[in-house]
PDB file of N, CA and C in Angstrom:
ATOM      1  N   MET A   1      10.220 -20.028 -10.210  1.00  0.00           N
ATOM      2  CA  MET A   1      10.349 -19.376  -9.598  1.00  0.00           C
ATOM      3  C   MET A   1      11.121 -19.188  -9.172  1.00  0.00           C
ATOM      4  N   ASP A   2      12.424 -18.197  -9.144  1.00  0.00           N
ATOM      5  CA  ASP A   2      13.482 -18.048  -8.065  1.00  0.00           C
ATOM      6  C   ASP A   2      13.537 -18.334  -6.933  1.00  0.00           C
ATOM      7  N   ILE A   3      14.008 -19.061  -6.150  1.00  0.00           N
ATOM      8  CA  ILE A   3      13.424 -19.453  -4.862  1.00  0.00           C
ATOM      9  C   ILE A   3      13.855 -17.833  -3.981  1.00  0.00           C
ATOM     10  N   PHE A   4      15.246 -17.620  -4.088  1.00  0.00           N
ATOM     11  CA  PHE A   4      15.454 -16.517  -3.335  1.00  0.00           C
ATOM     12  C   PHE A   4      13.855 -14.803  -3.518  1.00  0.00           C
ATOM     13  N   LEU A   5      13.750 -15.092  -4.768  1.00  0.00           N
ATOM     14  CA  LEU A   5      12.324 -14.135  -4.903  1.00  0.00           C
ATOM     15  C   LEU A   5      11.222 -14.794  -4.601  1.00  0.00           C
ATOM     16  N   MET A   6      11.248 -16.000  -4.411  1.00  0.00           N
ATOM     17  CA  MET A   6      10.199 -16.520  -3.670  1.00  0.00           C
ATOM     18  C   MET A   6       9.967 -15.868  -1.862  1.00  0.00           C
ATOM     19  N   SER A   7      11.132 -15.864  -1.855  1.00  0.00           N
ATOM     20  CA  SER A   7      11.497 -15.904  -0.137  1.00  0.00           C
ATOM     21  C   SER A   7      11.068 -13.992   0.233  1.00  0.00           C
ATOM     22  N   ILE A   8      11.993 -13.538  -1.045  1.00  0.00           N
ATOM     23  CA  ILE A   8      11.874 -11.417  -0.848  1.00  0.00           C
ATOM     24  C   ILE A   8      10.204 -11.585  -0.943  1.00  0.00           C
ATOM     25  N   GLN A   9       8.772 -12.093  -1.735  1.00  0.00           N
ATOM     26  CA  GLN A   9       7.789 -11.807  -1.792  1.00  0.00           C
ATOM     27  C   GLN A   9       6.709 -12.225  -0.118  1.00  0.00           C
ATOM     28  N   GLU A  10       7.236 -13.630  -0.068  1.00  0.00           N
ATOM     29  CA  GLU A  10       6.766 -13.780   1.458  1.00  0.00           C
ATOM     30  C   GLU A  10       7.535 -12.883   2.613  1.00  0.00           C
ATOM     31  N   ASP A  11       8.710 -12.344   2.585  1.00  0.00           N
ATOM     32  CA  ASP A  11       8.877 -12.127   3.360  1.00  0.00           C
ATOM     33  C   ASP A  11       8.285 -10.349   3.775  1.00  0.00           C
ATOM     34  N   VAL A  12       7.892  -9.903   2.161  1.00  0.00           N
ATOM     35  CA  VAL A  12       7.155  -8.569   2.007  1.00  0.00           C
ATOM     36  C   VAL A  12       5.819  -9.078   2.133  1.00  0.00           C
ATOM     37  N   LEU A  13       5.708  -9.376   2.416  1.00  0.00           N
ATOM     38  CA  LEU A  13       3.987  -9.821   2.534  1.00  0.00           C
ATOM     39  C   LEU A  13       4.253 -10.175   4.380  1.00  0.00           C
ATOM     40  N   ARG A  14       4.819 -10.655   4.752  1.00  0.00           N
ATOM     41  CA  ARG A  14       5.137 -11.135   6.523  1.00  0.00           C
ATOM     42  C   ARG A  14       4.961  -9.841   6.999  1.00  0.00           C
ATOM     43  N   LEU A  15       5.722  -9.084   6.214  1.00  0.00           N
ATOM     44  CA  LEU A  15       6.055  -7.472   6.777  1.00  0.00           C
ATOM     45  C   LEU A  15       4.387  -6.907   7.281  1.00  0.00           C
ATOM     46  N   PHE A  16       4.247  -6.717   5.913  1.00  0.00           N
ATOM     47  CA  PHE A  16       2.508  -6.179   5.909  1.00  0.00           C
ATOM     48  C   PHE A  16       1.737  -6.936   6.830  1.00  0.00           C
ATOM     49  N   ARG A  17       2.062  -8.025   6.422  1.00  0.00           N
ATOM     50  CA  ARG A  17       0.602  -8.087   7.805  1.00  0.00           C
ATOM     51  C   ARG A  17       1.146  -8.001   9.610  1.00  0.00           C
ATOM     52  N   ASP A  18       1.923  -8.459   9.471  1.00  0.00           N
ATOM     53  CA  ASP A  18       2.430  -7.926  10.439  1.00  0.00           C
ATOM     54  C   ASP A  18       2.184  -5.964  11.022  1.00  0.00           C
ATOM     55  N   GLU A  19       2.952  -5.176   9.843  1.00  0.00           N
ATOM     56  CA  GLU A  19       2.217  -4.588   9.900  1.00  0.00           C
ATOM     57  C   GLU A  19       0.519  -3.879  10.299  1.00  0.00           C
ATOM     58  N   ILE A  20      -0.029  -4.199   9.423  1.00  0.00           N
ATOM     59  CA  ILE A  20      -1.468  -3.261   9.179  1.00  0.00           C
ATOM     60  C   ILE A  20      -2.243  -4.906   9.847  1.00  0.00           C
ATOM     61  N   SER A  21      -3.126  -3.976  10.766  1.00  0.00           N
ATOM     62  CA  SER A  21      -4.370  -4.060  10.890  1.00  0.00           C
ATOM     63  C   SER A  21      -5.146  -5.111   9.874  1.00  0.00           C
ATOM     64  N   ARG A  22      -5.597  -6.358  10.523  1.00  0.00           N
ATOM     65  CA  ARG A  22      -6.835  -7.136   9.818  1.00  0.00           C
ATOM     66  C   ARG A  22      -7.881  -7.232  10.168  1.00  0.00           C
ATOM     67  N   GLU A  23      -8.577  -6.754   8.598  1.00  0.00           N
ATOM     68  CA  GLU A  23     -10.408  -6.663   8.917  1.00  0.00           C
ATOM     69  C   GLU A  23     -10.928  -8.116   9.619  1.00  0.00           C
ATOM     70  N   LEU A  24     -12.275  -7.823   9.938  1.00  0.00           N
ATOM     71  CA  LEU A  24     -12.659  -8.954   9.916  1.00  0.00           C
ATOM     72  C   LEU A  24     -13.736  -9.452   8.832  1.00  0.00           C
ATOM     73  N   ASP A  25     -14.336 -10.526   8.810  1.00  0.00           N
ATOM     74  CA  ASP A  25     -15.365 -10.533   7.595  1.00  0.00           C
ATOM     75  C   ASP A  25     -16.894 -10.733   8.721  1.00  0.00           C
ATOM     76  N   SER A  26     -17.756 -11.311   7.950  1.00  0.00           N
ATOM     77  CA  SER A  26     -18.936 -11.464   8.161  1.00  0.00           C
ATOM     78  C   SER A  26     -18.961 -11.977   9.663  1.00  0.00           C
ATOM     79  N   ASN A  27     -18.209 -13.015   9.846  1.00  0.00           N
ATOM     80  CA  ASN A  27     -17.714 -14.249  10.598  1.00  0.00           C
ATOM     81  C   ASN A  27     -17.254 -13.775  11.940  1.00  0.00           C
ATOM     82  N   GLY A  28     -16.895 -13.035  12.540  1.00  0.00           N
ATOM     83  CA  GLY A  28     -15.647 -12.255  12.723  1.00  0.00           C
ATOM     84  C   GLY A  28     -14.015 -12.756  12.614  1.00  0.00           C
ATOM     85  N   LYS A  29     -13.571 -13.372  11.064  1.00  0.00           N
ATOM     86  CA  LYS A  29     -12.659 -14.170  10.940  1.00  0.00           C
ATOM     87  C   LYS A  29     -12.098 -13.264  10.608  1.00  0.00           C
ATOM     88  N   GLU A  30     -10.437 -13.041  10.838  1.00  0.00           N
ATOM     89  CA  GLU A  30      -9.456 -12.020  10.372  1.00  0.00           C
ATOM     90  C   GLU A  30      -9.701 -12.968   9.118  1.00  0.00           C
ATOM     91  N   ILE A  31      -9.224 -11.445   8.156  1.00  0.00           N
ATOM     92  CA  ILE A  31      -8.969 -11.529   6.432  1.00  0.00           C
ATOM     93  C   ILE A  31      -7.544 -10.838   6.716  1.00  0.00           C
ATOM     94  N   LEU A  32      -6.890 -11.623   5.970  1.00  0.00           N
ATOM     95  CA  LEU A  32      -5.155 -11.618   5.561  1.00  0.00           C
ATOM     96  C   LEU A  32      -4.965 -10.799   4.723  1.00  0.00           C
ATOM     97  N   LEU A  33      -3.915 -10.382   4.685  1.00  0.00           N
ATOM     98  CA  LEU A  33      -3.614  -9.572   3.785  1.00  0.00           C
ATOM     99  C   LEU A  33      -3.090 -10.388   2.391  1.00  0.00           C
ATOM    100  N   GLU A  34      -2.904 -10.379   1.478  1.00  0.00           N
ATOM    101  CA  GLU A  34      -2.488 -10.821  -0.197  1.00  0.00           C
ATOM    102  C   GLU A  34      -1.607 -10.661  -0.389  1.00  0.00           C
ATOM    103  N   LEU A  35      -0.957 -11.142  -1.448  1.00  0.00           N
ATOM    104  CA  LEU A  35      -0.409 -10.025  -2.380  1.00  0.00           C
ATOM    105  C   LEU A  35      -0.969  -8.640  -3.248  1.00  0.00           C
ATOM    106  N   ASP A  36      -2.332  -9.803  -3.967  1.00  0.00           N
ATOM    107  CA  ASP A  36      -2.330  -8.495  -4.773  1.00  0.00           C
ATOM    108  C   ASP A  36      -3.694  -7.050  -3.668  1.00  0.00           C
ATOM    109  N   SER A  37      -3.796  -7.293  -2.199  1.00  0.00           N
ATOM    110  CA  SER A  37      -4.975  -6.329  -1.621  1.00  0.00           C
ATOM    111  C   SER A  37      -4.284  -5.519  -1.655  1.00  0.00           C
ATOM    112  N   ASP A  38      -5.317  -4.736  -1.925  1.00  0.00           N
ATOM    113  CA  ASP A  38      -5.277  -2.771  -1.891  1.00  0.00           C
ATOM    114  C   ASP A  38      -4.930  -2.224  -0.424  1.00  0.00           C
ATOM    115  N   LEU A  39      -3.967  -1.751  -0.532  1.00  0.00           N
ATOM    116  CA  LEU A  39      -3.696  -1.124   0.620  1.00  0.00           C
ATOM    117  C   LEU A  39      -4.308   0.407   0.835  1.00  0.00           C
ATOM    118  N   TYR A  40      -5.044   0.525   0.334  1.00  0.00           N
ATOM    119  CA  TYR A  40      -6.064   1.812  -0.394  1.00  0.00           C
ATOM    120  C   TYR A  40      -6.631   2.489   1.033  1.00  0.00           C
ATOM    121  N   ASP A  41      -7.967   1.001   1.791  1.00  0.00           N
ATOM    122  CA  ASP A  41      -8.602   1.433   3.172  1.00  0.00           C
ATOM    123  C   ASP A  41      -7.764   0.975   4.173  1.00  0.00           C
ATOM    124  N   THR A  42      -6.586   0.669   4.096  1.00  0.00           N
ATOM    125  CA  THR A  42      -5.188   0.803   5.335  1.00  0.00           C
ATOM    126  C   THR A  42      -5.382   1.709   6.574  1.00  0.00           C
ATOM    127  N   PRO A  43      -5.433   1.822   7.699  1.00  0.00           N
ATOM    128  CA  PRO A  43      -5.288   2.888   8.421  1.00  0.00           C
ATOM    129  C   PRO A  43      -3.839   3.687   8.465  1.00  0.00           C
ATOM    130  N   GLY A  44      -4.205   4.958   8.890  1.00  0.00           N
ATOM    131  CA  GLY A  44      -2.947   5.782   8.374  1.00  0.00           C
ATOM    132  C   GLY A  44      -1.649   5.347   8.906  1.00  0.00           C
ATOM    133  N   ASP A  45      -2.127   5.158  10.103  1.00  0.00           N
ATOM    134  CA  ASP A  45      -0.912   4.752  11.029  1.00  0.00           C
ATOM    135  C   ASP A  45      -0.296   3.566  10.915  1.00  0.00           C
ATOM    136  N   ASP A  46      -1.159   2.573  10.146  1.00  0.00           N
ATOM    137  CA  ASP A  46      -0.962   1.338  10.120  1.00  0.00           C
ATOM    138  C   ASP A  46       0.284   1.291   8.802  1.00  0.00           C
ATOM    139  N   LEU A  47      -0.114   2.328   7.908  1.00  0.00           N
ATOM    140  CA  LEU A  47       0.308   2.540   6.800  1.00  0.00           C
ATOM    141  C   LEU A  47       1.688   3.139   6.287  1.00  0.00           C
ATOM    142  N   HIS A  48       2.210   3.784   7.292  1.00  0.00           N
ATOM    143  CA  HIS A  48       3.506   4.701   7.678  1.00  0.00           C
ATOM    144  C   HIS A  48       4.138   3.612   8.122  1.00  0.00           C
ATOM    145  N   SER A  49       3.435   3.016   9.258  1.00  0.00           N
ATOM    146  CA  SER A  49       5.073   1.976  10.222  1.00  0.00           C
ATOM    147  C   SER A  49       5.304   1.051   9.048  1.00  0.00           C
ATOM    148  N   ALA A  50       4.351   0.500   8.376  1.00  0.00           N
ATOM    149  CA  ALA A  50       4.528  -0.708   7.502  1.00  0.00           C
ATOM    150  C   ALA A  50       6.044  -0.322   6.055  1.00  0.00           C
ATOM    151  N   LEU A  51       5.675   1.163   6.215  1.00  0.00           N
ATOM    152  CA  LEU A  51       6.117   1.947   4.640  1.00  0.00           C
ATOM    153  C   LEU A  51       8.024   2.072   5.121  1.00  0.00           C
ATOM    154  N   ASP A  52       7.446   2.309   6.349  1.00  0.00           N
ATOM    155  CA  ASP A  52       8.656   2.724   7.011  1.00  0.00           C
ATOM    156  C   ASP A  52       9.800   1.792   7.065  1.00  0.00           C
ATOM    157  N   ARG A  53       9.071   0.862   7.822  1.00  0.00           N
ATOM    158  CA  ARG A  53      10.032  -0.994   8.524  1.00  0.00           C
ATOM    159  C   ARG A  53      10.136  -0.540   6.579  1.00  0.00           C
ATOM    160  N   PHE A  54       9.335  -1.461   5.813  1.00  0.00           N
ATOM    161  CA  PHE A  54      10.116  -1.773   4.430  1.00  0.00           C
ATOM    162  C   PHE A  54      11.257  -0.838   3.916  1.00  0.00           C
ATOM    163  N   GLU A  55      10.965   0.542   4.171  1.00  0.00           N
ATOM    164  CA  GLU A  55      12.383   1.071   3.718  1.00  0.00           C
ATOM    165  C   GLU A  55      13.635   0.775   4.210  1.00  0.00           C
ATOM    166  N   LYS A  56      13.305   0.425   5.465  1.00  0.00           N
ATOM    167  CA  LYS A  56      14.869   0.053   6.346  1.00  0.00           C
ATOM    168  C   LYS A  56      14.704  -1.463   6.169  1.00  0.00           C
ATOM    169  N   GLU A  57      14.137  -2.268   5.958  1.00  0.00           N
ATOM    170  CA  GLU A  57      14.193  -3.470   5.655  1.00  0.00           C
ATOM    171  C   GLU A  57      15.015  -4.175   4.973  1.00  0.00           C
ATOM    172  N   PHE A  58      14.443  -3.274   3.536  1.00  0.00           N
ATOM    173  CA  PHE A  58      14.347  -3.859   2.122  1.00  0.00           C
ATOM    174  C   PHE A  58      15.540  -2.595   1.308  1.00  0.00           C
ATOM    175  N   ARG A  59      15.429  -1.324   2.187  1.00  0.00           N
ATOM    176  CA  ARG A  59      16.957  -0.238   1.369  1.00  0.00           C
ATOM    177  C   ARG A  59      16.245  -0.074  -0.025  1.00  0.00           C
ATOM    178  N   VAL A  60      14.862   0.330   0.331  1.00  0.00           N
ATOM    179  CA  VAL A  60      14.264   0.824  -0.942  1.00  0.00           C
ATOM    180  C   VAL A  60      13.097   2.350  -0.943  1.00  0.00           C
ATOM    181  N   ASP A  61      13.933   3.046  -1.226  1.00  0.00           N
ATOM    182  CA  ASP A  61      13.694   4.114  -0.947  1.00  0.00           C
ATOM    183  C   ASP A  61      12.255   4.748  -1.785  1.00  0.00           C
ATOM    184  N   LEU A  62      11.329   5.499  -0.739  1.00  0.00           N
ATOM    185  CA  LEU A  62      10.155   5.404  -1.527  1.00  0.00           C
ATOM    186  C   LEU A  62       9.392   7.194  -1.322  1.00  0.00           C
ATOM    187  N   SER A  63      11.066   8.050  -1.083  1.00  0.00           N
ATOM    188  CA  SER A  63      10.389   9.598  -0.806  1.00  0.00           C
ATOM    189  C   SER A  63       9.930   9.932  -2.005  1.00  0.00           C
ATOM    190  N   ASP A  64      10.288   9.570  -3.247  1.00  0.00           N
ATOM    191  CA  ASP A  64      10.188  10.011  -4.722  1.00  0.00           C
ATOM    192  C   ASP A  64       8.485   9.706  -5.025  1.00  0.00           C
ATOM    193  N   VAL A  65       7.874   8.587  -4.622  1.00  0.00           N
ATOM    194  CA  VAL A  65       6.418   8.317  -4.443  1.00  0.00           C
ATOM    195  C   VAL A  65       5.468   8.888  -5.055  1.00  0.00           C
ATOM    196  N   ASP A  66       5.457   9.128  -5.635  1.00  0.00           N
ATOM    197  CA  ASP A  66       3.491   9.683  -6.430  1.00  0.00           C
ATOM    198  C   ASP A  66       2.650   9.745  -5.165  1.00  0.00           C
ATOM    199  N   TRP A  67       2.491   9.808  -4.257  1.00  0.00           N
ATOM    200  CA  TRP A  67       1.441   9.336  -3.364  1.00  0.00           C
ATOM    201  C   TRP A  67      -0.190   9.510  -3.557  1.00  0.00           C
ATOM    202  N   SER A  68      -0.082  10.797  -4.521  1.00  0.00           N
ATOM    203  CA  SER A  68      -1.359  11.612  -5.257  1.00  0.00           C
ATOM    204  C   SER A  68      -2.270  10.388  -5.929  1.00  0.00           C
ATOM    205  N   ARG A  69      -0.991   9.425  -6.769  1.00  0.00           N
ATOM    206  CA  ARG A  69      -1.862   8.730  -7.463  1.00  0.00           C
ATOM    207  C   ARG A  69      -2.375   7.567  -7.205  1.00  0.00           C
ATOM    208  N   TYR A  70      -2.505   7.290  -5.824  1.00  0.00           N
ATOM    209  CA  TYR A  70      -3.025   5.815  -5.136  1.00  0.00           C
ATOM    210  C   TYR A  70      -4.255   6.787  -3.902  1.00  0.00           C
ATOM    211  N   PHE A  71      -3.903   7.963  -3.524  1.00  0.00           N
ATOM    212  CA  PHE A  71      -4.601   8.705  -2.052  1.00  0.00           C
ATOM    213  C   PHE A  71      -4.515  10.038  -3.314  1.00  0.00           C
ATOM    214  N   PRO A  72      -5.678   9.801  -3.988  1.00  0.00           N
ATOM    215  CA  PRO A  72      -5.683  11.603  -4.261  1.00  0.00           C
ATOM    216  C   PRO A  72      -6.752  11.984  -3.779  1.00  0.00           C
ATOM    217  N   TRP A  73      -7.793  11.646  -3.014  1.00  0.00           N
ATOM    218  CA  TRP A  73      -8.921  11.963  -2.176  1.00  0.00           C
ATOM    219  C   TRP A  73      -8.047  13.078  -1.302  1.00  0.00           C
ATOM    220  N   GLU A  74      -7.021  12.612  -0.370  1.00  0.00           N
ATOM    221  CA  GLU A  74      -6.239  13.227   0.805  1.00  0.00           C
ATOM    222  C   GLU A  74      -4.893  13.676   0.072  1.00  0.00           C
ATOM    223  N   ASN A  75      -4.775  14.394  -1.265  1.00  0.00           N
ATOM    224  CA  ASN A  75      -4.042  15.148  -2.167  1.00  0.00           C
ATOM    225  C   ASN A  75      -5.010  16.488  -2.516  1.00  0.00           C
ATOM    226  N   THR A  76      -6.101  16.293  -2.300  1.00  0.00           N
ATOM    227  CA  THR A  76      -6.926  17.232  -3.366  1.00  0.00           C
ATOM    228  C   THR A  76      -6.609  18.417  -2.396  1.00  0.00           C
ATOM    229  N   PRO A  77      -7.480  20.080  -2.805  1.00  0.00           N
ATOM    230  CA  PRO A  77      -7.213  20.942  -2.172  1.00  0.00           C
ATOM    231  C   PRO A  77      -8.493  20.907  -1.223  1.00  0.00           C
ATOM    232  N   LEU A  78      -8.454  21.274  -0.506  1.00  0.00           N
ATOM    233  CA  LEU A  78      -9.343  21.263   0.633  1.00  0.00           C
ATOM    234  C   LEU A  78     -10.105  21.943   0.126  1.00  0.00           C
ATOM    235  N   LEU A  79     -10.052  23.201  -0.552  1.00  0.00           N
ATOM    236  CA  LEU A  79     -11.207  23.609  -1.166  1.00  0.00           C
ATOM    237  C   LEU A  79     -12.562  22.804  -1.270  1.00  0.00           C
ATOM    238  N   THR A  80     -11.864  21.891  -2.971  1.00  0.00           N
ATOM    239  CA  THR A  80     -12.421  20.652  -3.375  1.00  0.00           C
ATOM    240  C   THR A  80     -12.984  19.391  -2.060  1.00  0.00           C
ATOM    241  N   ARG A  81     -12.082  19.379  -1.492  1.00  0.00           N
ATOM    242  CA  ARG A  81     -12.408  18.271  -0.226  1.00  0.00           C
ATOM    243  C   ARG A  81     -13.695  18.523  -0.033  1.00  0.00           C
ATOM    244  N   TRP A  82     -14.376  19.550   0.352  1.00  0.00           N
ATOM    245  CA  TRP A  82     -15.182  20.716   0.898  1.00  0.00           C
ATOM    246  C   TRP A  82     -17.116  20.434   0.180  1.00  0.00           C
ATOM    247  N   PHE A  83     -16.535  19.861  -0.787  1.00  0.00           N
ATOM    248  CA  PHE A  83     -18.039  19.376  -1.632  1.00  0.00           C
ATOM    249  C   PHE A  83     -17.627  18.000  -1.703  1.00  0.00           C
ATOM    250  N   LYS A  84     -18.226  17.191  -1.744  1.00  0.00           N
ATOM    251  CA  LYS A  84     -18.118  15.570  -1.216  1.00  0.00           C
ATOM    252  C   LYS A  84     -18.667  15.366  -2.685  1.00  0.00           C
ATOM    253  N   ALA A  85     -19.479  15.453  -3.443  1.00  0.00           N
ATOM    254  CA  ALA A  85     -19.757  15.070  -4.235  1.00  0.00           C
ATOM    255  C   ALA A  85     -18.993  15.073  -5.809  1.00  0.00           C
ATOM    256  N   LYS A  86     -17.537  15.996  -4.768  1.00  0.00           N
ATOM    257  CA  LYS A  86     -16.550  15.432  -6.231  1.00  0.00           C
ATOM    258  C   LYS A  86     -15.566  14.417  -5.313  1.00  0.00           C
ATOM    259  N   ARG A  87     -16.020  13.748  -4.835  1.00  0.00           N
ATOM    260  CA  ARG A  87     -14.965  12.805  -3.973  1.00  0.00           C
ATOM    261  C   ARG A  87     -14.796  11.430  -4.953  1.00  0.00           C
ATOM    262  N   ASP A  88     -16.591  11.214  -5.741  1.00  0.00           N
ATOM    263  CA  ASP A  88     -16.163  10.041  -6.844  1.00  0.00           C
ATOM    264  C   ASP A  88     -15.651  10.286  -7.458  1.00  0.00           C
ATOM    265  N   GLU A  89     -15.173  11.709  -8.398  1.00  0.00           N
ATOM    266  CA  GLU A  89     -14.861  12.085  -9.800  1.00  0.00           C
ATOM    267  C   GLU A  89     -13.423  11.642  -9.442  1.00  0.00           C
ATOM    268  N   VAL A  90     -12.664  12.192  -8.177  1.00  0.00           N
ATOM    269  CA  VAL A  90     -11.307  12.607  -7.778  1.00  0.00           C
ATOM    270  C   VAL A  90     -10.897  11.243  -7.643  1.00  0.00           C
ATOM    271  N   GLU A  91     -11.934  10.179  -6.739  1.00  0.00           N
ATOM    272  CA  GLU A  91     -11.265   8.916  -6.417  1.00  0.00           C
ATOM    273  C   GLU A  91     -11.510   7.705  -8.160  1.00  0.00           C
ATOM    274  N   GLN A  92     -12.105   8.037  -9.613  1.00  0.00           N
ATOM    275  CA  GLN A  92     -11.995   7.371 -10.095  1.00  0.00           C
ATOM    276  C   GLN A  92     -10.526   7.549 -10.772  1.00  0.00           C
ATOM    277  N   THR A  93     -10.252   8.412 -10.468  1.00  0.00           N
ATOM    278  CA  THR A  93      -8.689   8.276 -10.523  1.00  0.00           C
ATOM    279  C   THR A  93      -7.646   7.516 -10.300  1.00  0.00           C
ATOM    280  N   ARG A  94      -7.734   7.100  -9.230  1.00  0.00           N
ATOM    281  CA  ARG A  94      -7.296   6.272  -8.003  1.00  0.00           C
ATOM    282  C   ARG A  94      -6.485   4.999  -8.644  1.00  0.00           C
ATOM    283  N   GLN A  95      -4.970   4.354  -8.457  1.00  0.00           N
ATOM    284  CA  GLN A  95      -4.577   3.459  -8.952  1.00  0.00           C
ATOM    285  C   GLN A  95      -4.447   3.000  -7.591  1.00  0.00           C
ATOM    286  N   ALA A  96      -4.689   1.403  -7.833  1.00  0.00           N
ATOM    287  CA  ALA A  96      -4.535   1.105  -6.924  1.00  0.00           C
ATOM    288  C   ALA A  96      -3.216   0.378  -6.491  1.00  0.00           C
ATOM    289  N   LEU A  97      -3.059   0.540  -4.943  1.00  0.00           N
ATOM    290  CA  LEU A  97      -1.917   0.652  -4.300  1.00  0.00           C
ATOM    291  C   LEU A  97      -1.563  -1.106  -3.838  1.00  0.00           C
ATOM    292  N   THR A  98      -0.751  -2.191  -3.956  1.00  0.00           N
ATOM    293  CA  THR A  98      -1.147  -3.294  -3.340  1.00  0.00           C
ATOM    294  C   THR A  98       0.531  -3.462  -2.681  1.00  0.00           C
ATOM    295  N   VAL A  99       0.523  -4.873  -2.246  1.00  0.00           N
ATOM    296  CA  VAL A  99       1.796  -5.396  -1.268  1.00  0.00           C
ATOM    297  C   VAL A  99       2.370  -6.401  -3.015  1.00  0.00           C
ATOM    298  N   ARG A 100       2.313  -6.206  -3.897  1.00  0.00           N
ATOM    299  CA  ARG A 100       2.700  -6.957  -4.657  1.00  0.00           C
ATOM    300  C   ARG A 100       3.881  -6.303  -5.496  1.00  0.00           C
ATOM    301  N   MET A 101       2.892  -4.633  -5.696  1.00  0.00           N
ATOM    302  CA  MET A 101       4.324  -3.788  -6.176  1.00  0.00           C
ATOM    303  C   MET A 101       5.208  -3.303  -4.947  1.00  0.00           C
ATOM    304  N   PHE A 102       4.992  -3.721  -3.708  1.00  0.00           N
ATOM    305  CA  PHE A 102       6.341  -3.402  -2.612  1.00  0.00           C
ATOM    306  C   PHE A 102       6.958  -4.862  -3.054  1.00  0.00           C
ATOM    307  N   ALA A 103       6.208  -6.026  -3.188  1.00  0.00           N
ATOM    308  CA  ALA A 103       7.274  -7.077  -3.442  1.00  0.00           C
ATOM    309  C   ALA A 103       7.987  -6.801  -4.206  1.00  0.00           C
ATOM    310  N   GLU A 104       6.973  -6.350  -5.542  1.00  0.00           N
ATOM    311  CA  GLU A 104       8.630  -6.630  -6.558  1.00  0.00           C
ATOM    312  C   GLU A 104       9.478  -5.110  -6.965  1.00  0.00           C
ATOM    313  N   SER A 105       9.063  -4.098  -6.090  1.00  0.00           N
ATOM    314  CA  SER A 105      10.444  -3.125  -6.014  1.00  0.00           C
ATOM    315  C   SER A 105      11.025  -3.614  -4.644  1.00  0.00           C
ATOM    316  N   ALA A 106      11.212  -4.474  -3.980  1.00  0.00           N
ATOM    317  CA  ALA A 106      11.997  -4.884  -2.968  1.00  0.00           C
ATOM    318  C   ALA A 106      12.866  -6.083  -3.604  1.00  0.00           C
ATOM    319  N   GLU A 107      12.180  -6.672  -4.733  1.00  0.00           N
ATOM    320  CA  GLU A 107      13.115  -7.291  -5.574  1.00  0.00           C
ATOM    321  C   GLU A 107      14.621  -6.683  -6.479  1.00  0.00           C
ATOM    322  N   ALA A 108      13.234  -5.509  -6.854  1.00  0.00           N
ATOM    323  CA  ALA A 108      14.039  -4.759  -8.289  1.00  0.00           C
ATOM    324  C   ALA A 108      15.712  -3.905  -7.339  1.00  0.00           C
ATOM    325  N   GLY A 109      14.837  -3.438  -5.610  1.00  0.00           N
ATOM    326  CA  GLY A 109      16.213  -2.349  -5.092  1.00  0.00           C
ATOM    327  C   GLY A 109      15.849  -1.595  -4.946  1.00  0.00           C
ATOM    328  N   LYS A 110      14.642  -1.320  -5.728  1.00  0.00           N
ATOM    329  CA  LYS A 110      13.677   0.549  -5.653  1.00  0.00           C
ATOM    330  C   LYS A 110      12.445   0.407  -6.499  1.00  0.00           C
ATOM    331  N   TRP A 111      11.963   1.354  -6.264  1.00  0.00           N
ATOM    332  CA  TRP A 111      10.542   1.656  -6.517  1.00  0.00           C
ATOM    333  C   TRP A 111      10.142   1.426  -7.722  1.00  0.00           C
ATOM    334  N   LEU A 112       9.444   0.074  -8.419  1.00  0.00           N
ATOM    335  CA  LEU A 112       8.861   0.612  -9.735  1.00  0.00           C
ATOM    336  C   LEU A 112       7.584   0.695 -10.440  1.00  0.00           C
ATOM    337  N   TYR A 113       7.414   2.149  -9.694  1.00  0.00           N
ATOM    338  CA  TYR A 113       5.549   1.813 -10.422  1.00  0.00           C
ATOM    339  C   TYR A 113       6.220   3.620  -9.848  1.00  0.00           C
ATOM    340  N   ASP A 114       5.103   4.515 -10.887  1.00  0.00           N
ATOM    341  CA  ASP A 114       5.253   5.642 -11.319  1.00  0.00           C
ATOM    342  C   ASP A 114       5.381   6.249 -12.462  1.00  0.00           C
TER     343      ASP A 114
END
């Protein structure tokens, strides 16, 4: 792999590790984000901060990303959300949103998914 591309992946991973709170395992040890970590359960404020910083540092426009693919429940009409039994059905349509997707998009200079 090209050393430049490896550096971009490392820089993107570092950015997400800096911005996103770490979960703890059963022994109280921090679980570090990896390139294939799914960002679905990331606290909203942390994710927004990471995305803002990502756009600025890597000059990748995320304004046209279809976030409903990765967070379908949050983009489901309120009436549907009242009936929580539907949540599992809606969540089955969810696609993973990984750090690797951001790293590959940074390498390409544009969002590659959707």
